[in-house]
C-alpha atoms as a PDB file:
ATOM      1  CA  MET A   1      88.408 -67.523  30.900  1.00  0.00           C
ATOM      2  CA  THR A   2      85.378 -65.461  30.835  1.00  0.00           C
ATOM      3  CA  LEU A   3      83.998 -64.111  27.502  1.00  0.00           C
ATOM      4  CA  GLY A   4      85.280 -60.731  28.418  1.00  0.00           C
ATOM      5  CA  GLU A   5      88.815 -61.977  29.212  1.00  0.00           C
ATOM      6  CA  LYS A   6      88.401 -63.464  25.580  1.00  0.00           C
ATOM      7  CA  ILE A   7      87.644 -60.547  23.824  1.00  0.00           C
ATOM      8  CA  ARG A   8      89.866 -58.558  25.852  1.00  0.00           C
ATOM      9  CA  ASN A   9      92.828 -61.102  25.203  1.00  0.00           C
ATOM     10  CA  ALA A  10      92.209 -61.052  21.576  1.00  0.00           C
ATOM     11  CA  ARG A  11      92.097 -57.154  21.187  1.00  0.00           C
ATOM     12  CA  GLN A  12      95.312 -57.001  23.069  1.00  0.00           C
ATOM     13  CA  GLN A  13      97.565 -59.275  21.290  1.00  0.00           C
ATOM     14  CA  SER A  14      95.945 -57.351  18.049  1.00  0.00           C
ATOM     15  CA  ASP A  15      97.749 -54.628  19.153  1.00  0.00           C
ATOM     16  CA  LEU A  16      93.918 -52.731  19.488  1.00  0.00           C
ATOM     17  CA  LYS A  17      92.712 -50.311  21.656  1.00  0.00           C
ATOM     18  CA  PRO A  18      89.287 -50.344  23.042  1.00  0.00           C
ATOM     19  CA  HIS A  19      88.381 -47.517  20.572  1.00  0.00           C
ATOM     20  CA  GLU A  20      89.990 -49.210  17.663  1.00  0.00           C
ATOM     21  CA  LEU A  21      88.217 -52.462  18.315  1.00  0.00           C
ATOM     22  CA  ALA A  22      84.738 -50.629  18.548  1.00  0.00           C
ATOM     23  CA  ALA A  23      85.368 -48.308  15.229  1.00  0.00           C
ATOM     24  CA  ARG A  24      86.061 -51.937  13.380  1.00  0.00           C
ATOM     25  CA  ILE A  25      82.919 -53.619  14.302  1.00  0.00           C
ATOM     26  CA  GLY A  26      80.410 -50.901  14.604  1.00  0.00           C
ATOM     27  CA  VAL A  27      80.143 -50.318  18.300  1.00  0.00           C
ATOM     28  CA  THR A  28      80.779 -47.865  21.162  1.00  0.00           C
ATOM     29  CA  GLU A  29      84.063 -48.081  23.015  1.00  0.00           C
ATOM     30  CA  ARG A  30      81.966 -48.165  26.036  1.00  0.00           C
ATOM     31  CA  ALA A  31      79.946 -51.257  24.515  1.00  0.00           C
ATOM     32  CA  VAL A  32      83.787 -53.118  24.301  1.00  0.00           C
ATOM     33  CA  ARG A  33      84.625 -51.895  27.907  1.00  0.00           C
ATOM     34  CA  PHE A  34      81.450 -53.501  28.956  1.00  0.00           C
ATOM     35  CA  TRP A  35      82.247 -56.699  27.340  1.00  0.00           C
ATOM     36  CA  GLU A  36      85.454 -56.888  28.240  1.00  0.00           C
ATOM     37  CA  ALA A  37      83.986 -56.038  32.119  1.00  0.00           C
ATOM     38  CA  ASP A  38      81.445 -58.876  31.507  1.00  0.00           C
ATOM     39  CA  GLU A  39      78.842 -56.498  32.233  1.00  0.00           C
ATOM     40  CA  ARG A  40      77.278 -57.285  29.071  1.00  0.00           C
ATOM     41  CA  GLU A  41      77.571 -60.076  26.467  1.00  0.00           C
ATOM     42  CA  PRO A  42      78.019 -59.476  22.707  1.00  0.00           C
ATOM     43  CA  GLY A  43      75.473 -60.013  20.274  1.00  0.00           C
ATOM     44  CA  PHE A  44      76.913 -63.132  17.353  1.00  0.00           C
ATOM     45  CA  GLU A  45      76.871 -60.607  14.659  1.00  0.00           C
ATOM     46  CA  ASN A  46      79.593 -58.223  17.333  1.00  0.00           C
ATOM     47  CA  ILE A  47      81.385 -61.612  18.063  1.00  0.00           C
ATOM     48  CA  VAL A  48      81.829 -62.567  13.992  1.00  0.00           C
ATOM     49  CA  GLY A  49      83.083 -58.980  13.793  1.00  0.00           C
ATOM     50  CA  ILE A  50      85.409 -59.354  16.945  1.00  0.00           C
ATOM     51  CA  ALA A  51      86.315 -62.678  15.501  1.00  0.00           C
ATOM     52  CA  ARG A  52      86.756 -61.070  11.975  1.00  0.00           C
ATOM     53  CA  VAL A  53      89.427 -57.930  13.296  1.00  0.00           C
ATOM     54  CA  THR A  54      91.092 -60.193  15.661  1.00  0.00           C
ATOM     55  CA  GLU A  55      91.809 -63.048  13.247  1.00  0.00           C
ATOM     56  CA  ARG A  56      90.815 -65.720  15.610  1.00  0.00           C
ATOM     57  CA  PRO A  57      88.045 -68.912  15.325  1.00  0.00           C
ATOM     58  CA  ILE A  58      84.231 -67.766  16.406  1.00  0.00           C
ATOM     59  CA  ASP A  59      84.956 -70.879  18.576  1.00  0.00           C
ATOM     60  CA  TYR A  60      87.725 -69.156  20.590  1.00  0.00           C
ATOM     61  CA  PHE A  61      84.987 -67.019  21.619  1.00  0.00           C
ATOM     62  CA  ALA A  62      82.595 -69.919  23.328  1.00  0.00           C
ATOM     63  CA  ASP A  63      81.544 -69.414  26.421  1.00  0.00           C
ATOM     64  CA  THR A  64      82.591 -72.355  28.606  1.00  0.00           C
ATOM     65  CA  THR A  65      81.624 -70.805  32.060  1.00  0.00           C
ATOM     66  CA  LYS A  66      77.934 -71.401  31.434  1.00  0.00           C
ATOM     67  CA  GLU A  67      76.493 -74.794  33.205  1.00  0.00           C
ATOM     68  CA  GLY A  68      76.178 -77.431  30.494  1.00  0.00           C
ATOM     69  CA  VAL A  69      78.794 -76.666  28.564  1.00  0.00           C
ATOM     70  CA  ALA A  70      81.752 -78.934  28.097  1.00  0.00           C
END
């Protein structure tokens, strides 16, 4: 599962719309949509915010699709 898929999954399971997640972490809805489409990656501070809002551990958002990561 890509980082974008994990963000979308966590958001949907938290019953949040993209604009609601964006407002809670202080970014634009467009940023959330870019992340979910894997067009851009959120910075660590935003991942922490997503984890807090969706009540997921930060480890859930670890990108295991990159080379060298188990």
